[in-house]
Amino acid sequence: MEGMTLVTTQPFRVYADTSVYGSVFDEEFAKPSRAFFEQIQGGRYRLVTCPLLEDELEDAPPQVRRWYQQFETAGERVAVVRNSSADRSDRAIREALLRRHHRLLDSR
């Protein structure tokens, strides 16, 4: 096939919140949740986990923890990184809003 380029795609990296693992055992959400995890097993998605998820799952029911554990090794663990420039920006915005609020109160 001259002139054609073969493109291979990597699985989408996805983060599943604690509730997604638990919804596997919820009658209302079990079907779509299990379908999602089947797609992970099939290689369409690659799970991303983080310490926060693991901490939250410590208090989950045993069947939810077991469900997570079967996918834990297939996942990609990432660290939670705080963005200090975003933190500074948020702080500056809050301070500006407070100054404006105080000016409005003072002008009354």
C-alpha atoms as a PDB file:
ATOM      1  CA  MET A   1       0.000   0.000   0.000  1.00  0.00           C
ATOM      2  CA  GLU A   2       2.210   2.689  -1.309  1.00  0.00           C
ATOM      3  CA  GLY A   3       1.754   6.178   0.138  1.00  0.00           C
ATOM      4  CA  MET A   4      -0.187   4.982   3.165  1.00  0.00           C
ATOM      5  CA  THR A   5       1.027   5.257   6.714  1.00  0.00           C
ATOM      6  CA  LEU A   6       0.138   2.685   9.313  1.00  0.00           C
ATOM      7  CA  VAL A   7      -0.868   4.367  12.559  1.00  0.00           C
ATOM      8  CA  THR A   8      -0.982   2.400  15.770  1.00  0.00           C
ATOM      9  CA  THR A   9      -2.851   3.809  18.691  1.00  0.00           C
ATOM     10  CA  GLN A  10      -2.143   3.435  22.361  1.00  0.00           C
ATOM     11  CA  PRO A  11      -5.009   2.679  24.733  1.00  0.00           C
ATOM     12  CA  PHE A  12      -6.623   5.722  26.278  1.00  0.00           C
ATOM     13  CA  ARG A  13      -5.387   6.370  29.791  1.00  0.00           C
ATOM     14  CA  VAL A  14      -8.357   6.727  32.132  1.00  0.00           C
ATOM     15  CA  TYR A  15      -8.834   7.405  35.807  1.00  0.00           C
ATOM     16  CA  ALA A  16     -11.706   5.561  37.464  1.00  0.00           C
ATOM     17  CA  ASP A  17     -12.905   7.216  40.640  1.00  0.00           C
ATOM     18  CA  THR A  18     -13.688   5.180  43.741  1.00  0.00           C
ATOM     19  CA  SER A  19     -17.387   5.246  42.879  1.00  0.00           C
ATOM     20  CA  VAL A  20     -16.733   3.500  39.555  1.00  0.00           C
ATOM     21  CA  TYR A  21     -15.254   0.491  41.330  1.00  0.00           C
ATOM     22  CA  GLY A  22     -18.171   0.413  43.760  1.00  0.00           C
ATOM     23  CA  SER A  23     -20.785   0.810  41.038  1.00  0.00           C
ATOM     24  CA  VAL A  24     -19.908  -2.658  39.759  1.00  0.00           C
ATOM     25  CA  PHE A  25     -21.893  -3.929  42.749  1.00  0.00           C
ATOM     26  CA  ASP A  26     -24.764  -1.453  42.421  1.00  0.00           C
ATOM     27  CA  GLU A  27     -27.766  -2.895  40.586  1.00  0.00           C
ATOM     28  CA  GLU A  28     -28.462   0.382  38.777  1.00  0.00           C
ATOM     29  CA  PHE A  29     -24.917   0.855  37.441  1.00  0.00           C
ATOM     30  CA  ALA A  30     -23.481  -2.670  37.349  1.00  0.00           C
ATOM     31  CA  LYS A  31     -23.997  -3.311  33.635  1.00  0.00           C
ATOM     32  CA  PRO A  32     -22.222  -0.207  32.248  1.00  0.00           C
ATOM     33  CA  SER A  33     -19.547  -0.387  34.947  1.00  0.00           C
ATOM     34  CA  ARG A  34     -18.724  -3.998  34.151  1.00  0.00           C
ATOM     35  CA  ALA A  35     -18.702  -3.170  30.434  1.00  0.00           C
ATOM     36  CA  PHE A  36     -16.160  -0.424  31.159  1.00  0.00           C
ATOM     37  CA  PHE A  37     -13.897  -2.842  33.028  1.00  0.00           C
ATOM     38  CA  GLU A  38     -14.260  -5.412  30.236  1.00  0.00           C
ATOM     39  CA  GLN A  39     -12.917  -2.772  27.849  1.00  0.00           C
ATOM     40  CA  ILE A  40      -9.957  -2.296  30.178  1.00  0.00           C
ATOM     41  CA  GLN A  41      -9.314  -6.028  30.128  1.00  0.00           C
ATOM     42  CA  GLY A  42      -9.630  -5.942  26.338  1.00  0.00           C
ATOM     43  CA  GLY A  43      -6.923  -3.269  26.092  1.00  0.00           C
ATOM     44  CA  ARG A  44      -9.053  -0.340  24.951  1.00  0.00           C
ATOM     45  CA  TYR A  45      -8.284   1.625  28.117  1.00  0.00           C
ATOM     46  CA  ARG A  46      -5.337   1.711  30.490  1.00  0.00           C
ATOM     47  CA  LEU A  47      -6.166   2.528  34.091  1.00  0.00           C
ATOM     48  CA  VAL A  48      -4.363   5.270  35.948  1.00  0.00           C
ATOM     49  CA  THR A  49      -4.387   5.117  39.729  1.00  0.00           C
ATOM     50  CA  CYS A  50      -3.106   7.400  42.441  1.00  0.00           C
ATOM     51  CA  PRO A  51      -2.498   7.318  46.192  1.00  0.00           C
ATOM     52  CA  LEU A  52      -5.764   9.155  46.887  1.00  0.00           C
ATOM     53  CA  LEU A  53      -7.783   6.402  45.202  1.00  0.00           C
ATOM     54  CA  GLU A  54      -5.950   3.752  47.182  1.00  0.00           C
ATOM     55  CA  ASP A  55      -6.581   5.634  50.434  1.00  0.00           C
ATOM     56  CA  GLU A  56     -10.294   5.978  49.673  1.00  0.00           C
ATOM     57  CA  LEU A  57     -10.600   2.284  48.852  1.00  0.00           C
ATOM     58  CA  GLU A  58      -9.221   1.285  52.258  1.00  0.00           C
ATOM     59  CA  ASP A  59     -12.672   2.036  53.705  1.00  0.00           C
ATOM     60  CA  ALA A  60     -14.586   0.385  50.859  1.00  0.00           C
ATOM     61  CA  PRO A  61     -16.456  -2.904  51.290  1.00  0.00           C
ATOM     62  CA  PRO A  62     -14.284  -6.017  50.816  1.00  0.00           C
ATOM     63  CA  GLN A  63     -15.772  -6.937  47.419  1.00  0.00           C
ATOM     64  CA  VAL A  64     -14.960  -3.454  46.075  1.00  0.00           C
ATOM     65  CA  ARG A  65     -11.351  -3.712  47.310  1.00  0.00           C
ATOM     66  CA  ARG A  66     -11.017  -7.143  45.687  1.00  0.00           C
ATOM     67  CA  TRP A  67     -12.433  -5.778  42.429  1.00  0.00           C
ATOM     68  CA  TYR A  68      -9.888  -2.949  42.486  1.00  0.00           C
ATOM     69  CA  GLN A  69      -7.035  -5.338  43.286  1.00  0.00           C
ATOM     70  CA  GLN A  70      -7.644  -7.392  40.180  1.00  0.00           C
ATOM     71  CA  PHE A  71      -7.088  -4.274  38.057  1.00  0.00           C
ATOM     72  CA  GLU A  72      -4.415  -2.667  40.232  1.00  0.00           C
ATOM     73  CA  THR A  73      -1.503  -4.417  38.535  1.00  0.00           C
ATOM     74  CA  ALA A  74      -2.835  -3.528  35.083  1.00  0.00           C
ATOM     75  CA  GLY A  75      -2.946   0.136  36.020  1.00  0.00           C
ATOM     76  CA  GLU A  76      -0.397   2.868  35.768  1.00  0.00           C
ATOM     77  CA  ARG A  77       0.283   4.548  39.094  1.00  0.00           C
ATOM     78  CA  VAL A  78       0.769   8.290  39.042  1.00  0.00           C
ATOM     79  CA  ALA A  79       1.709  10.657  41.805  1.00  0.00           C
ATOM     80  CA  VAL A  80      -0.450  13.585  42.716  1.00  0.00           C
ATOM     81  CA  VAL A  81       1.506  16.736  42.057  1.00  0.00           C
ATOM     82  CA  ARG A  82       0.430  20.075  43.383  1.00  0.00           C
ATOM     83  CA  ASN A  83       0.885  22.895  40.950  1.00  0.00           C
ATOM     84  CA  SER A  84       2.390  25.690  43.018  1.00  0.00           C
ATOM     85  CA  SER A  85       1.854  28.302  40.295  1.00  0.00           C
ATOM     86  CA  ALA A  86      -1.851  27.404  40.166  1.00  0.00           C
ATOM     87  CA  ASP A  87      -1.984  27.597  43.968  1.00  0.00           C
ATOM     88  CA  ARG A  88      -0.414  31.074  43.879  1.00  0.00           C
ATOM     89  CA  SER A  89      -2.842  32.137  41.178  1.00  0.00           C
ATOM     90  CA  ASP A  90      -5.829  30.888  43.180  1.00  0.00           C
ATOM     91  CA  ARG A  91      -4.559  32.701  46.258  1.00  0.00           C
ATOM     92  CA  ALA A  92      -4.110  35.954  44.293  1.00  0.00           C
ATOM     93  CA  ILE A  93      -7.648  35.727  42.949  1.00  0.00           C
ATOM     94  CA  ARG A  94      -9.081  35.117  46.425  1.00  0.00           C
ATOM     95  CA  GLU A  95      -7.130  38.062  47.833  1.00  0.00           C
ATOM     96  CA  ALA A  96      -8.303  40.350  45.030  1.00  0.00           C
ATOM     97  CA  LEU A  97     -11.916  39.327  45.619  1.00  0.00           C
ATOM     98  CA  LEU A  98     -11.586  39.963  49.342  1.00  0.00           C
ATOM     99  CA  ARG A  99     -10.080  43.416  48.731  1.00  0.00           C
ATOM    100  CA  ARG A 100     -12.935  44.251  46.371  1.00  0.00           C
ATOM    101  CA  HIS A 101     -15.481  42.970  48.868  1.00  0.00           C
ATOM    102  CA  HIS A 102     -13.964  45.097  51.654  1.00  0.00           C
ATOM    103  CA  ARG A 103     -13.926  48.178  49.414  1.00  0.00           C
ATOM    104  CA  LEU A 104     -17.623  47.656  48.674  1.00  0.00           C
ATOM    105  CA  LEU A 105     -18.385  47.349  52.381  1.00  0.00           C
ATOM    106  CA  ASP A 106     -16.329  50.461  53.182  1.00  0.00           C
ATOM    107  CA  SER A 107     -18.164  52.520  50.564  1.00  0.00           C
ATOM    108  CA  ARG A 108     -21.567  51.889  52.201  1.00  0.00           C
END
